[in-house]
C-alpha atoms as a PDB file:
ATOM      1  CA  MET A   1       0.062   0.123   0.390  1.00  0.00           C
ATOM      2  CA  PRO A   2       2.822   2.656   0.602  1.00  0.00           C
ATOM      3  CA  ASP A   3       3.585   2.225  -2.823  1.00  0.00           C
ATOM      4  CA  VAL A   4       0.748   3.046  -4.243  1.00  0.00           C
ATOM      5  CA  MET A   5       0.832   6.715  -3.333  1.00  0.00           C
ATOM      6  CA  PRO A   6       3.646   7.643  -5.188  1.00  0.00           C
ATOM      7  CA  ILE A   7       2.089   5.937  -8.179  1.00  0.00           C
ATOM      8  CA  VAL A   8      -1.294   8.119  -7.643  1.00  0.00           C
ATOM      9  CA  ALA A   9       0.950  11.233  -7.617  1.00  0.00           C
ATOM     10  CA  ALA A  10       2.993  10.625  -9.943  1.00  0.00           C
ATOM     11  CA  SER A  11      -0.588  10.883 -12.314  1.00  0.00           C
ATOM     12  CA  VAL A  12      -0.837  14.305 -12.960  1.00  0.00           C
ATOM     13  CA  THR A  13       2.417  14.892 -13.597  1.00  0.00           C
ATOM     14  CA  LEU A  14       2.174  12.053 -15.606  1.00  0.00           C
ATOM     15  CA  PHE A  15      -0.779  13.109 -17.709  1.00  0.00           C
ATOM     16  CA  ILE A  16       0.561  16.454 -18.506  1.00  0.00           C
ATOM     17  CA  LEU A  17       3.730  14.547 -19.906  1.00  0.00           C
ATOM     18  CA  LEU A  18       0.821  12.499 -22.084  1.00  0.00           C
ATOM     19  CA  TRP A  19      -0.813  16.166 -23.350  1.00  0.00           C
ATOM     20  CA  LEU A  20       3.125  18.194 -23.961  1.00  0.00           C
ATOM     21  CA  ALA A  21       3.687  14.320 -26.542  1.00  0.00           C
ATOM     22  CA  SER A  22      -0.119  14.222 -27.897  1.00  0.00           C
ATOM     23  CA  ILE A  23       0.484  17.102 -29.195  1.00  0.00           C
ATOM     24  CA  ALA A  24       4.523  16.330 -30.855  1.00  0.00           C
ATOM     25  CA  LEU A  25       1.555  14.602 -33.146  1.00  0.00           C
ATOM     26  CA  TYR A  26       0.891  17.722 -34.493  1.00  0.00           C
ATOM     27  CA  ALA A  27       4.252  19.092 -35.621  1.00  0.00           C
ATOM     28  CA  MET A  28       5.604  19.102 -39.430  1.00  0.00           C
ATOM     29  CA  PRO A  29       9.782  18.866 -39.962  1.00  0.00           C
ATOM     30  CA  GLU A  30      10.626  22.691 -41.716  1.00  0.00           C
ATOM     31  CA  SER A  31      13.472  23.163 -43.480  1.00  0.00           C
ATOM     32  CA  ASP A  32      16.546  22.335 -41.894  1.00  0.00           C
ATOM     33  CA  ASP A  33      14.557  18.317 -41.601  1.00  0.00           C
ATOM     34  CA  TYR A  34      14.268  18.259 -45.700  1.00  0.00           C
ATOM     35  CA  CYS A  35      17.094  19.527 -46.458  1.00  0.00           C
ATOM     36  CA  VAL A  36      18.992  16.290 -44.380  1.00  0.00           C
ATOM     37  CA  THR A  37      16.486  14.385 -45.563  1.00  0.00           C
ATOM     38  CA  ASN A  38      17.458  14.925 -49.142  1.00  0.00           C
ATOM     39  CA  ARG A  39      21.410  14.438 -48.599  1.00  0.00           C
ATOM     40  CA  VAL A  40      20.058  11.080 -46.464  1.00  0.00           C
ATOM     41  CA  ASN A  41      18.094   9.718 -49.355  1.00  0.00           C
ATOM     42  CA  SER A  42      20.921  11.226 -52.610  1.00  0.00           C
ATOM     43  CA  MET A  43      23.985  10.655 -50.557  1.00  0.00           C
ATOM     44  CA  GLY A  44      23.458   7.939 -47.247  1.00  0.00           C
ATOM     45  CA  LEU A  45      23.871   9.217 -43.446  1.00  0.00           C
ATOM     46  CA  VAL A  46      28.036   8.587 -43.853  1.00  0.00           C
ATOM     47  CA  GLY A  47      27.843  10.667 -46.677  1.00  0.00           C
ATOM     48  CA  MET A  48      25.305  13.686 -45.649  1.00  0.00           C
ATOM     49  CA  VAL A  49      27.906  13.714 -42.519  1.00  0.00           C
ATOM     50  CA  LYS A  50      30.497  14.565 -43.926  1.00  0.00           C
ATOM     51  CA  SER A  51      29.102  16.713 -46.210  1.00  0.00           C
ATOM     52  CA  TYR A  52      27.542  19.131 -43.565  1.00  0.00           C
ATOM     53  CA  TYR A  53      31.148  18.877 -41.519  1.00  0.00           C
ATOM     54  CA  LEU A  54      33.109  19.944 -45.079  1.00  0.00           C
ATOM     55  CA  HIS A  55      30.468  22.742 -45.968  1.00  0.00           C
ATOM     56  CA  GLN A  56      27.990  23.703 -43.118  1.00  0.00           C
ATOM     57  CA  MET A  57      28.894  23.017 -39.384  1.00  0.00           C
ATOM     58  CA  GLY A  58      30.505  20.563 -37.158  1.00  0.00           C
ATOM     59  CA  ARG A  59      27.909  19.804 -35.331  1.00  0.00           C
ATOM     60  CA  LEU A  60      28.219  15.622 -35.311  1.00  0.00           C
ATOM     61  CA  THR A  61      26.133  13.936 -33.286  1.00  0.00           C
ATOM     62  CA  SER A  62      23.725  16.440 -33.854  1.00  0.00           C
ATOM     63  CA  LEU A  63      23.142  15.968 -37.742  1.00  0.00           C
ATOM     64  CA  VAL A  64      23.136  11.787 -36.992  1.00  0.00           C
ATOM     65  CA  ALA A  65      20.186  12.232 -34.878  1.00  0.00           C
ATOM     66  CA  ILE A  66      18.171  15.257 -37.663  1.00  0.00           C
ATOM     67  CA  ALA A  67      18.789  12.384 -39.626  1.00  0.00           C
ATOM     68  CA  ALA A  68      16.893   9.688 -37.312  1.00  0.00           C
ATOM     69  CA  PRO A  69      13.656  10.190 -39.010  1.00  0.00           C
ATOM     70  CA  ALA A  70      14.763   9.954 -42.621  1.00  0.00           C
ATOM     71  CA  VAL A  71      17.303   6.924 -41.680  1.00  0.00           C
ATOM     72  CA  VAL A  72      14.064   4.790 -40.354  1.00  0.00           C
ATOM     73  CA  SER A  73      11.585   5.618 -43.098  1.00  0.00           C
ATOM     74  CA  LYS A  74      13.696   5.236 -45.163  1.00  0.00           C
ATOM     75  CA  VAL A  75      14.478   1.557 -43.598  1.00  0.00           C
ATOM     76  CA  THR A  76      11.133   0.969 -42.732  1.00  0.00           C
ATOM     77  CA  GLY A  77       9.427   1.899 -45.693  1.00  0.00           C
ATOM     78  CA  VAL A  78       7.343   3.719 -43.312  1.00  0.00           C
ATOM     79  CA  ASP A  79       5.756   7.360 -44.468  1.00  0.00           C
ATOM     80  CA  TYR A  80       8.515  10.519 -43.084  1.00  0.00           C
ATOM     81  CA  LEU A  81       6.243  12.512 -41.862  1.00  0.00           C
ATOM     82  CA  VAL A  82       5.167  10.193 -40.308  1.00  0.00           C
ATOM     83  CA  VAL A  83       7.720   8.420 -37.850  1.00  0.00           C
ATOM     84  CA  TYR A  84       9.058  12.281 -37.518  1.00  0.00           C
ATOM     85  CA  PRO A  85       6.322  12.587 -34.423  1.00  0.00           C
ATOM     86  CA  VAL A  86       7.116   9.322 -33.515  1.00  0.00           C
ATOM     87  CA  ILE A  87      10.674  10.149 -33.449  1.00  0.00           C
ATOM     88  CA  LEU A  88       9.936  13.161 -31.005  1.00  0.00           C
ATOM     89  CA  ILE A  89       7.280  11.348 -29.108  1.00  0.00           C
ATOM     90  CA  CYS A  90       9.853   8.708 -28.859  1.00  0.00           C
ATOM     91  CA  GLY A  91      12.375  11.565 -27.448  1.00  0.00           C
ATOM     92  CA  MET A  92      10.654  12.514 -24.435  1.00  0.00           C
ATOM     93  CA  ALA A  93      10.150   9.012 -23.374  1.00  0.00           C
ATOM     94  CA  ILE A  94      13.831   9.374 -23.624  1.00  0.00           C
ATOM     95  CA  PHE A  95      14.278  12.605 -21.371  1.00  0.00           C
ATOM     96  CA  LEU A  96      11.627  10.735 -18.560  1.00  0.00           C
ATOM     97  CA  ALA A  97      13.368   7.328 -18.714  1.00  0.00           C
ATOM     98  CA  VAL A  98      16.771   9.221 -18.017  1.00  0.00           C
ATOM     99  CA  SER A  99      14.859  11.193 -15.902  1.00  0.00           C
ATOM    100  CA  VAL A 100      14.062   8.060 -13.526  1.00  0.00           C
ATOM    101  CA  TYR A 101      17.556   6.874 -13.659  1.00  0.00           C
ATOM    102  CA  TRP A 102      18.491   9.710 -12.905  1.00  0.00           C
ATOM    103  CA  ALA A 103      16.473   9.876  -9.692  1.00  0.00           C
ATOM    104  CA  GLY A 104      17.165   5.985  -8.891  1.00  0.00           C
ATOM    105  CA  ARG A 105      20.900   6.683  -8.451  1.00  0.00           C
ATOM    106  CA  MET A 106      21.113  10.097  -6.531  1.00  0.00           C
ATOM    107  CA  TRP A 107      18.294   8.197  -4.469  1.00  0.00           C
ATOM    108  CA  THR A 108      18.903   4.787  -4.342  1.00  0.00           C
ATOM    109  CA  GLY A 109      16.546   3.165  -1.051  1.00  0.00           C
ATOM    110  CA  LEU A 110      13.619   4.868  -3.199  1.00  0.00           C
ATOM    111  CA  SER A 111      11.372   2.460  -4.064  1.00  0.00           C
ATOM    112  CA  TRP A 112      10.349   1.838  -7.831  1.00  0.00           C
ATOM    113  CA  PRO A 113       7.516   3.847  -7.843  1.00  0.00           C
ATOM    114  CA  GLU A 114       8.963   6.706  -6.037  1.00  0.00           C
ATOM    115  CA  ARG A 115      12.045   6.886  -8.586  1.00  0.00           C
ATOM    116  CA  PHE A 116       9.493   7.086 -11.021  1.00  0.00           C
ATOM    117  CA  LEU A 117       7.642   9.876  -9.075  1.00  0.00           C
ATOM    118  CA  ALA A 118      10.666  11.841  -8.379  1.00  0.00           C
ATOM    119  CA  GLY A 119      11.264  11.291 -12.424  1.00  0.00           C
ATOM    120  CA  ALA A 120       8.680  12.229 -13.232  1.00  0.00           C
ATOM    121  CA  MET A 121       8.895  15.667 -12.024  1.00  0.00           C
ATOM    122  CA  LEU A 122      12.528  16.614 -13.195  1.00  0.00           C
ATOM    123  CA  CYS A 123      11.356  15.780 -16.414  1.00  0.00           C
ATOM    124  CA  ALA A 124       8.439  18.463 -16.295  1.00  0.00           C
ATOM    125  CA  ALA A 125       9.387  20.161 -14.454  1.00  0.00           C
ATOM    126  CA  SER A 126      12.506  20.503 -17.057  1.00  0.00           C
ATOM    127  CA  PHE A 127      10.421  20.742 -19.319  1.00  0.00           C
ATOM    128  CA  VAL A 128       7.888  24.040 -17.541  1.00  0.00           C
ATOM    129  CA  LEU A 129      11.845  25.688 -18.178  1.00  0.00           C
ATOM    130  CA  ALA A 130      11.700  25.562 -21.707  1.00  0.00           C
ATOM    131  CA  ILE A 131      12.543  28.783 -23.076  1.00  0.00           C
ATOM    132  CA  SER A 132      11.462  27.395 -26.872  1.00  0.00           C
ATOM    133  CA  LEU A 133       8.625  24.538 -26.166  1.00  0.00           C
ATOM    134  CA  ARG A 134       8.795  23.803 -29.823  1.00  0.00           C
ATOM    135  CA  GLU A 135      13.102  23.733 -30.249  1.00  0.00           C
ATOM    136  CA  MET A 136      12.573  21.653 -27.151  1.00  0.00           C
ATOM    137  CA  LEU A 137      10.369  18.674 -27.900  1.00  0.00           C
ATOM    138  CA  TYR A 138       8.107  19.782 -31.706  1.00  0.00           C
ATOM    139  CA  TRP A 139      11.261  20.381 -34.130  1.00  0.00           C
ATOM    140  CA  ILE A 140      14.284  17.803 -34.184  1.00  0.00           C
ATOM    141  CA  SER A 141      16.504  19.822 -34.963  1.00  0.00           C
ATOM    142  CA  GLY A 142      16.059  21.479 -32.286  1.00  0.00           C
ATOM    143  CA  SER A 143      15.874  18.805 -30.584  1.00  0.00           C
ATOM    144  CA  ALA A 144      18.735  16.656 -31.600  1.00  0.00           C
ATOM    145  CA  SER A 145      20.687  19.727 -31.013  1.00  0.00           C
ATOM    146  CA  TYR A 146      20.088  20.818 -27.452  1.00  0.00           C
ATOM    147  CA  MET A 147      18.034  17.878 -26.073  1.00  0.00           C
ATOM    148  CA  VAL A 148      20.649  14.787 -26.444  1.00  0.00           C
ATOM    149  CA  PRO A 149      23.603  16.886 -25.256  1.00  0.00           C
ATOM    150  CA  ALA A 150      21.085  17.770 -22.442  1.00  0.00           C
ATOM    151  CA  LEU A 151      20.866  14.161 -21.161  1.00  0.00           C
ATOM    152  CA  PHE A 152      24.305  13.993 -21.893  1.00  0.00           C
ATOM    153  CA  VAL A 153      25.160  15.805 -19.356  1.00  0.00           C
ATOM    154  CA  ILE A 154      22.676  14.662 -16.883  1.00  0.00           C
ATOM    155  CA  ILE A 155      24.754  11.126 -16.948  1.00  0.00           C
ATOM    156  CA  ILE A 156      28.130  13.265 -15.986  1.00  0.00           C
ATOM    157  CA  LEU A 157      26.197  14.823 -13.446  1.00  0.00           C
ATOM    158  CA  VAL A 158      24.644  12.087 -11.933  1.00  0.00           C
ATOM    159  CA  GLU A 159      27.827  10.447 -11.910  1.00  0.00           C
ATOM    160  CA  LEU A 160      30.182  11.889 -10.626  1.00  0.00           C
ATOM    161  CA  VAL A 161      28.125  13.801  -8.136  1.00  0.00           C
ATOM    162  CA  ARG A 162      27.026  10.377  -6.473  1.00  0.00           C
ATOM    163  CA  SER A 163      30.543   9.166  -6.456  1.00  0.00           C
ATOM    164  CA  ALA A 164      31.846  12.178  -5.167  1.00  0.00           C
ATOM    165  CA  ALA A 165      29.072  12.142  -2.273  1.00  0.00           C
ATOM    166  CA  ASN A 166      29.818   8.494  -1.204  1.00  0.00           C
ATOM    167  CA  GLU A 167      33.263   8.495  -1.520  1.00  0.00           C
ATOM    168  CA  THR A 168      32.850   5.765  -3.976  1.00  0.00           C
ATOM    169  CA  VAL A 169      35.211   4.587  -7.319  1.00  0.00           C
ATOM    170  CA  LEU A 170      34.986   5.328 -10.622  1.00  0.00           C
ATOM    171  CA  SER A 171      35.097   2.130 -12.428  1.00  0.00           C
ATOM    172  CA  THR A 172      37.648   1.678 -15.837  1.00  0.00           C
ATOM    173  CA  GLY A 173      34.409   1.348 -16.874  1.00  0.00           C
ATOM    174  CA  GLN A 174      32.130   3.974 -15.823  1.00  0.00           C
ATOM    175  CA  ILE A 175      35.223   6.682 -17.013  1.00  0.00           C
ATOM    176  CA  VAL A 176      35.208   5.013 -20.619  1.00  0.00           C
ATOM    177  CA  VAL A 177      31.395   5.411 -20.250  1.00  0.00           C
ATOM    178  CA  LEU A 178      31.619   9.247 -18.969  1.00  0.00           C
ATOM    179  CA  SER A 179      34.676   9.328 -21.933  1.00  0.00           C
ATOM    180  CA  ALA A 180      32.505   8.797 -24.748  1.00  0.00           C
ATOM    181  CA  ILE A 181      29.502  10.886 -23.466  1.00  0.00           C
ATOM    182  CA  GLY A 182      31.912  14.030 -22.972  1.00  0.00           C
ATOM    183  CA  PHE A 183      32.699  13.189 -26.887  1.00  0.00           C
ATOM    184  CA  LEU A 184      29.534  13.090 -28.134  1.00  0.00           C
ATOM    185  CA  GLY A 185      27.803  15.816 -25.618  1.00  0.00           C
ATOM    186  CA  ALA A 186      30.861  17.981 -27.076  1.00  0.00           C
ATOM    187  CA  LEU A 187      30.433  17.457 -30.934  1.00  0.00           C
ATOM    188  CA  ALA A 188      26.228  18.013 -30.311  1.00  0.00           C
ATOM    189  CA  ASN A 189      27.175  21.642 -30.148  1.00  0.00           C
ATOM    190  CA  GLU A 190      29.099  25.073 -28.992  1.00  0.00           C
ATOM    191  CA  PHE A 191      27.568  25.089 -26.005  1.00  0.00           C
ATOM    192  CA  THR A 192      27.848  22.165 -24.245  1.00  0.00           C
ATOM    193  CA  PRO A 193      31.814  20.837 -23.954  1.00  0.00           C
ATOM    194  CA  PHE A 194      32.187  24.330 -22.017  1.00  0.00           C
ATOM    195  CA  TRP A 195      29.165  22.275 -18.991  1.00  0.00           C
ATOM    196  CA  ILE A 196      30.626  19.470 -19.195  1.00  0.00           C
ATOM    197  CA  VAL A 197      34.183  20.751 -19.287  1.00  0.00           C
ATOM    198  CA  ALA A 198      32.982  22.638 -16.020  1.00  0.00           C
ATOM    199  CA  LEU A 199      31.424  19.058 -14.501  1.00  0.00           C
ATOM    200  CA  VAL A 200      34.420  17.175 -15.012  1.00  0.00           C
ATOM    201  CA  ALA A 201      36.672  20.128 -13.712  1.00  0.00           C
ATOM    202  CA  GLY A 202      34.995  20.834 -10.773  1.00  0.00           C
ATOM    203  CA  SER A 203      34.382  17.111  -9.932  1.00  0.00           C
ATOM    204  CA  ALA A 204      38.678  16.944 -10.153  1.00  0.00           C
ATOM    205  CA  VAL A 205      39.417  19.929  -7.670  1.00  0.00           C
ATOM    206  CA  TYR A 206      36.178  17.875  -5.156  1.00  0.00           C
ATOM    207  CA  ARG A 207      37.895  14.433  -5.570  1.00  0.00           C
ATOM    208  CA  ALA A 208      41.460  16.401  -5.068  1.00  0.00           C
ATOM    209  CA  PHE A 209      40.972  17.788  -1.642  1.00  0.00           C
ATOM    210  CA  TYR A 210      38.116  15.718  -0.208  1.00  0.00           C
ATOM    211  CA  HIS A 211      38.017  12.583  -1.386  1.00  0.00           C
ATOM    212  CA  PRO A 212      39.740   9.451  -0.583  1.00  0.00           C
ATOM    213  CA  ARG A 213      40.013   8.014  -4.423  1.00  0.00           C
ATOM    214  CA  PRO A 214      40.816  11.452  -6.486  1.00  0.00           C
ATOM    215  CA  GLN A 215      40.994   9.669  -9.565  1.00  0.00           C
ATOM    216  CA  LEU A 216      42.500  12.302 -11.245  1.00  0.00           C
ATOM    217  CA  ALA A 217      43.620  10.566 -14.339  1.00  0.00           C
ATOM    218  CA  GLY A 218      40.432   9.421 -15.155  1.00  0.00           C
ATOM    219  CA  HIS A 219      39.147  12.988 -14.808  1.00  0.00           C
ATOM    220  CA  ALA A 220      41.894  14.081 -16.910  1.00  0.00           C
ATOM    221  CA  VAL A 221      40.833  10.981 -19.432  1.00  0.00           C
ATOM    222  CA  MET A 222      37.336  12.598 -19.285  1.00  0.00           C
ATOM    223  CA  LEU A 223      38.103  16.137 -19.967  1.00  0.00           C
ATOM    224  CA  THR A 224      40.943  14.859 -22.393  1.00  0.00           C
ATOM    225  CA  ALA A 225      37.766  12.937 -24.449  1.00  0.00           C
ATOM    226  CA  THR A 226      36.068  15.630 -24.221  1.00  0.00           C
ATOM    227  CA  PHE A 227      38.562  18.528 -25.671  1.00  0.00           C
ATOM    228  CA  ILE A 228      39.049  15.928 -28.685  1.00  0.00           C
ATOM    229  CA  GLY A 229      35.306  16.295 -29.990  1.00  0.00           C
ATOM    230  CA  LEU A 230      35.447  20.833 -29.296  1.00  0.00           C
ATOM    231  CA  ALA A 231      38.343  20.563 -31.259  1.00  0.00           C
ATOM    232  CA  ILE A 232      36.564  18.290 -33.964  1.00  0.00           C
ATOM    233  CA  LEU A 233      33.595  20.747 -34.351  1.00  0.00           C
ATOM    234  CA  LEU A 234      35.266  23.254 -33.644  1.00  0.00           C
ATOM    235  CA  LEU A 235      37.617  22.724 -36.517  1.00  0.00           C
ATOM    236  CA  SER A 236      34.497  21.995 -39.249  1.00  0.00           C
ATOM    237  CA  PRO A 237      35.329  23.236 -42.501  1.00  0.00           C
ATOM    238  CA  GLY A 238      31.979  24.293 -42.666  1.00  0.00           C
ATOM    239  CA  ASN A 239      32.156  26.581 -39.184  1.00  0.00           C
ATOM    240  CA  ALA A 240      33.536  29.820 -41.820  1.00  0.00           C
ATOM    241  CA  VAL A 241      30.691  29.581 -44.355  1.00  0.00           C
ATOM    242  CA  ARG A 242      27.732  29.316 -41.146  1.00  0.00           C
ATOM    243  CA  MET A 243      29.457  32.235 -39.237  1.00  0.00           C
ATOM    244  CA  ALA A 244      29.461  34.648 -42.728  1.00  0.00           C
ATOM    245  CA  ALA A 245      25.564  34.180 -42.740  1.00  0.00           C
ATOM    246  CA  TYR A 246      25.756  36.347 -39.263  1.00  0.00           C
ATOM    247  CA  PRO A 247      27.070  39.805 -38.117  1.00  0.00           C
ATOM    248  CA  GLU A 248      29.851  38.949 -37.406  1.00  0.00           C
ATOM    249  CA  GLY A 249      30.766  36.609 -39.722  1.00  0.00           C
ATOM    250  CA  GLY A 250      34.474  38.870 -40.886  1.00  0.00           C
ATOM    251  CA  ARG A 251      36.294  37.456 -37.826  1.00  0.00           C
ATOM    252  CA  SER A 252      38.404  34.371 -36.957  1.00  0.00           C
ATOM    253  CA  PRO A 253      35.424  31.591 -36.996  1.00  0.00           C
ATOM    254  CA  LEU A 254      36.948  29.940 -33.859  1.00  0.00           C
ATOM    255  CA  LEU A 255      36.431  33.649 -32.138  1.00  0.00           C
ATOM    256  CA  SER A 256      32.696  33.692 -33.293  1.00  0.00           C
ATOM    257  CA  ARG A 257      32.035  30.413 -32.457  1.00  0.00           C
ATOM    258  CA  TRP A 258      33.523  31.348 -28.885  1.00  0.00           C
ATOM    259  CA  GLY A 259      31.522  34.380 -28.216  1.00  0.00           C
ATOM    260  CA  CYS A 260      28.552  32.525 -30.074  1.00  0.00           C
ATOM    261  CA  THR A 261      29.276  30.554 -27.147  1.00  0.00           C
ATOM    262  CA  ILE A 262      29.537  33.219 -24.217  1.00  0.00           C
ATOM    263  CA  CYS A 263      26.049  34.252 -25.245  1.00  0.00           C
ATOM    264  CA  GLY A 264      24.399  30.782 -26.024  1.00  0.00           C
ATOM    265  CA  SER A 265      25.250  29.997 -22.288  1.00  0.00           C
ATOM    266  CA  SER A 266      24.355  33.407 -21.287  1.00  0.00           C
ATOM    267  CA  TRP A 267      20.748  32.765 -22.862  1.00  0.00           C
ATOM    268  CA  PHE A 268      20.347  29.244 -23.211  1.00  0.00           C
ATOM    269  CA  GLY A 269      22.085  28.801 -19.486  1.00  0.00           C
ATOM    270  CA  ILE A 270      19.664  27.988 -15.854  1.00  0.00           C
ATOM    271  CA  THR A 271      20.356  30.315 -13.893  1.00  0.00           C
ATOM    272  CA  PRO A 272      17.974  33.962 -14.835  1.00  0.00           C
ATOM    273  CA  ASN A 273      15.347  31.022 -15.075  1.00  0.00           C
ATOM    274  CA  LEU A 274      15.618  29.810 -11.454  1.00  0.00           C
ATOM    275  CA  ARG A 275      14.667  33.155  -9.954  1.00  0.00           C
ATOM    276  CA  ARG A 276      10.963  32.766 -11.558  1.00  0.00           C
ATOM    277  CA  GLY A 277       9.037  31.084 -13.532  1.00  0.00           C
ATOM    278  CA  PRO A 278       6.381  28.134 -13.056  1.00  0.00           C
ATOM    279  CA  GLY A 279       9.185  25.430 -13.207  1.00  0.00           C
ATOM    280  CA  SER A 280      11.455  27.424 -10.287  1.00  0.00           C
ATOM    281  CA  VAL A 281       8.310  26.708  -8.569  1.00  0.00           C
ATOM    282  CA  SER A 282       7.536  22.931  -9.758  1.00  0.00           C
ATOM    283  CA  TRP A 283      11.317  22.811  -9.346  1.00  0.00           C
ATOM    284  CA  ARG A 284      11.263  24.192  -5.398  1.00  0.00           C
ATOM    285  CA  CYS A 285       8.684  21.584  -4.767  1.00  0.00           C
ATOM    286  CA  PHE A 286      10.355  18.616  -5.934  1.00  0.00           C
ATOM    287  CA  ARG A 287      13.568  19.675  -3.864  1.00  0.00           C
ATOM    288  CA  SER A 288      11.701  21.058  -0.256  1.00  0.00           C
ATOM    289  CA  SER A 289       9.362  18.226  -0.460  1.00  0.00           C
ATOM    290  CA  TRP A 290      12.583  15.636  -0.644  1.00  0.00           C
ATOM    291  CA  CYS A 291      14.731  17.197   1.235  1.00  0.00           C
ATOM    292  CA  LEU A 292      11.086  16.989   4.391  1.00  0.00           C
ATOM    293  CA  ARG A 293      11.363  13.452   3.340  1.00  0.00           C
ATOM    294  CA  ASN A 294      14.880  13.162   4.079  1.00  0.00           C
ATOM    295  CA  ARG A 295      14.815  15.206   7.171  1.00  0.00           C
ATOM    296  CA  GLY A 296      17.258  13.137  10.148  1.00  0.00           C
ATOM    297  CA  ARG A 297      18.244  10.258   7.333  1.00  0.00           C
ATOM    298  CA  ARG A 298      22.240  10.019   9.396  1.00  0.00           C
ATOM    299  CA  ARG A 299      23.807  10.053   5.098  1.00  0.00           C
ATOM    300  CA  GLY A 300      20.854  12.615   3.528  1.00  0.00           C
ATOM    301  CA  CYS A 301      19.673  12.196  -0.141  1.00  0.00           C
ATOM    302  CA  TRP A 302      22.038  10.476  -1.717  1.00  0.00           C
ATOM    303  CA  SER A 303      22.481   6.681  -0.619  1.00  0.00           C
END
């Protein structure tokens, strides 16, 4: 009986998420989607990625994700306009699953219904905080560039915080997976690498002073993989063509990318949104409820 209440509580949040997902049934491809689809159909996936890298941009991870509807449609024979909203809905489901994973890794003492409640609330709060629901949920070219790397950052954040809080050691497998995720995240857009570098570097500094096993070599591997991905992205020959379309296109493509990254981090950053809006209310209610729930526990929320 105690496990029934989290499911009942989660039903309200799940209803909102299902409502948001149902809107995706009306989503339609836009110009960027059709351009990628045309190249996939004419050149194949590898040819499309190579063409875009040489002539348009270096976001390789995002390009593969944007091409997913075209690839699925080509393989299955299902109409592209039918596959498109299905892929969007699958993306929302994956985000919910990663949020439940996040909650389970952070609060390992919770039952599965409680983990689902926490994950659903985190997922709903993330959607409410979105500056543009269209780019986040209803347009694959936008969702692939920001939602996919967001999932990567969530996984890295959870594993590093969990290991630091519980004073556990990151296994070789975890370091390899986190390095791969950092590499792919750095190839997704120009903003994500700096978030990943900040998280890994912060973890390394904390562990160097307070953790019995700092594992600085492992953190160096993760940082190296992320910087390699960032270098591949920034050194794309297509960046010069893309940046020439912007007002400051005459500047060095590398400097322009860094400038866009700084501005983009401020625009897409989380700090301005924590102080206002319904998303902040959702998050504060969530945080307060879990702090009250875990009050008096010897090891708090992390164990």
